[in-house]
Every structure is written in structure tokens, then in C-alpha cells.
C-alpha atoms as a PDB file:
ATOM      1  CA  UNK A   1       7.488 -13.388  10.307  1.00  0.00           C
ATOM      2  CA  UNK A   2      10.001 -11.537  12.439  1.00  0.00           C
ATOM      3  CA  UNK A   3       9.381  -8.131  13.915  1.00  0.00           C
ATOM      4  CA  UNK A   4      11.974  -6.646  11.542  1.00  0.00           C
ATOM      5  CA  UNK A   5      10.210  -8.112   8.494  1.00  0.00           C
ATOM      6  CA  UNK A   6       6.833  -6.931   9.747  1.00  0.00           C
ATOM      7  CA  UNK A   7       8.224  -3.433  10.237  1.00  0.00           C
ATOM      8  CA  UNK A   8       9.573  -3.313   6.673  1.00  0.00           C
ATOM      9  CA  UNK A   9       6.189  -4.465   5.312  1.00  0.00           C
ATOM     10  CA  UNK A  10       4.414  -1.872   7.470  1.00  0.00           C
ATOM     11  CA  UNK A  11       6.688   0.924   6.180  1.00  0.00           C
ATOM     12  CA  UNK A  12       6.016  -0.161   2.578  1.00  0.00           C
ATOM     13  CA  UNK A  13       2.268  -0.195   3.289  1.00  0.00           C
ATOM     14  CA  UNK A  14       2.517   3.298   4.789  1.00  0.00           C
ATOM     15  CA  UNK A  15       4.244   4.557   1.636  1.00  0.00           C
ATOM     16  CA  UNK A  16       1.525   3.048  -0.563  1.00  0.00           C
ATOM     17  CA  UNK A  17      -1.225   4.561   1.604  1.00  0.00           C
ATOM     18  CA  UNK A  18       0.447   7.972   1.333  1.00  0.00           C
ATOM     19  CA  UNK A  19       0.521   7.560  -2.440  1.00  0.00           C
ATOM     20  CA  UNK A  20      -3.174   6.636  -2.393  1.00  0.00           C
ATOM     21  CA  UNK A  21      -4.002   9.740  -0.300  1.00  0.00           C
ATOM     22  CA  UNK A  22      -2.177  11.989  -2.771  1.00  0.00           C
ATOM     23  CA  UNK A  23      -3.861  10.425  -5.793  1.00  0.00           C
ATOM     24  CA  UNK A  24      -7.282  10.491  -4.146  1.00  0.00           C
ATOM     25  CA  UNK A  25      -6.965  14.068  -2.973  1.00  0.00           C
ATOM     26  CA  UNK A  26      -5.460  15.729  -6.023  1.00  0.00           C
ATOM     27  CA  UNK A  27      -6.619  13.511  -8.909  1.00  0.00           C
ATOM     28  CA  UNK A  28      -9.709  11.443  -8.106  1.00  0.00           C
ATOM     29  CA  UNK A  29     -11.585  13.628  -5.622  1.00  0.00           C
ATOM     30  CA  UNK A  30     -14.738  15.303  -6.851  1.00  0.00           C
ATOM     31  CA  UNK A  31     -14.969  17.498  -3.746  1.00  0.00           C
ATOM     32  CA  UNK A  32     -12.096  19.992  -3.556  1.00  0.00           C
ATOM     33  CA  UNK A  33     -12.583  21.024   0.063  1.00  0.00           C
ATOM     34  CA  UNK A  34      -9.890  22.244   2.425  1.00  0.00           C
ATOM     35  CA  UNK A  35      -9.934  18.926   4.321  1.00  0.00           C
ATOM     36  CA  UNK A  36      -9.413  16.961   1.110  1.00  0.00           C
ATOM     37  CA  UNK A  37      -6.404  19.106   0.244  1.00  0.00           C
ATOM     38  CA  UNK A  38      -5.036  18.800   3.801  1.00  0.00           C
ATOM     39  CA  UNK A  39      -5.188  15.011   3.535  1.00  0.00           C
ATOM     40  CA  UNK A  40      -3.398  15.257   0.195  1.00  0.00           C
ATOM     41  CA  UNK A  41      -0.616  17.384   1.661  1.00  0.00           C
ATOM     42  CA  UNK A  42      -0.230  14.919   4.547  1.00  0.00           C
ATOM     43  CA  UNK A  43       0.164  12.251   1.882  1.00  0.00           C
ATOM     44  CA  UNK A  44       2.866  14.314   0.188  1.00  0.00           C
ATOM     45  CA  UNK A  45       4.665  14.601   3.527  1.00  0.00           C
ATOM     46  CA  UNK A  46       4.423  10.831   3.880  1.00  0.00           C
ATOM     47  CA  UNK A  47       5.838  10.296   0.396  1.00  0.00           C
ATOM     48  CA  UNK A  48       8.815  12.441   1.336  1.00  0.00           C
ATOM     49  CA  UNK A  49       9.454  11.248   4.898  1.00  0.00           C
ATOM     50  CA  UNK A  50       8.702   7.506   4.763  1.00  0.00           C
ATOM     51  CA  UNK A  51      11.538   6.665   2.321  1.00  0.00           C
ATOM     52  CA  UNK A  52      13.982   8.605   4.508  1.00  0.00           C
ATOM     53  CA  UNK A  53      12.833   6.642   7.548  1.00  0.00           C
ATOM     54  CA  UNK A  54      12.971   3.375   5.578  1.00  0.00           C
ATOM     55  CA  UNK A  55      16.631   3.928   4.661  1.00  0.00           C
ATOM     56  CA  UNK A  56      17.398   4.858   8.275  1.00  0.00           C
ATOM     57  CA  UNK A  57      15.682   1.733   9.602  1.00  0.00           C
ATOM     58  CA  UNK A  58      17.276  -0.520   6.977  1.00  0.00           C
ATOM     59  CA  UNK A  59      20.767   0.670   7.903  1.00  0.00           C
ATOM     60  CA  UNK A  60      20.036   0.445  11.627  1.00  0.00           C
ATOM     61  CA  UNK A  61      18.506  -3.026  11.360  1.00  0.00           C
ATOM     62  CA  UNK A  62      21.489  -4.349   9.402  1.00  0.00           C
ATOM     63  CA  UNK A  63      23.547  -3.943  12.588  1.00  0.00           C
ATOM     64  CA  UNK A  64      20.984  -5.685  14.812  1.00  0.00           C
ATOM     65  CA  UNK A  65      21.632  -9.174  16.058  1.00  0.00           C
ATOM     66  CA  UNK A  66      18.395 -11.141  16.301  1.00  0.00           C
END
């Protein structure tokens, strides 16, 4: 597996982990503490920022010669 392929898989995994954090924090969590909500909001930030970075990396990596 090339470094580019690994990076794309890692970005996809990061998106899925952010989705898990949001679901765990706001839907499945029994304890509604401030830390649980903070983790959920970090997950929301990940859900918003990771796709932007993924598009940026995809376009940048299309120009790379490996």
C-alpha cells in the first residue's frame, strides 16, 4: 500500500471516528457531562473539517508523481 493510499484510508477512518464521537456523545451517552459534550463538539468539528481536507488532499495528490 502506498503512502498516498494509506493517507486516504486514514482520513476516511478519521471521519468515521468523528461520526462515532458525535453519535456516542449526543445519542448513546447516558452521562451528559461537560466533557462528553466537548468530545461531541470536537466530533462535529471533525465532521466538518475532515471532508474539506480530504478534497484538498485528493486534488493535491492528483498532481503528485510517485
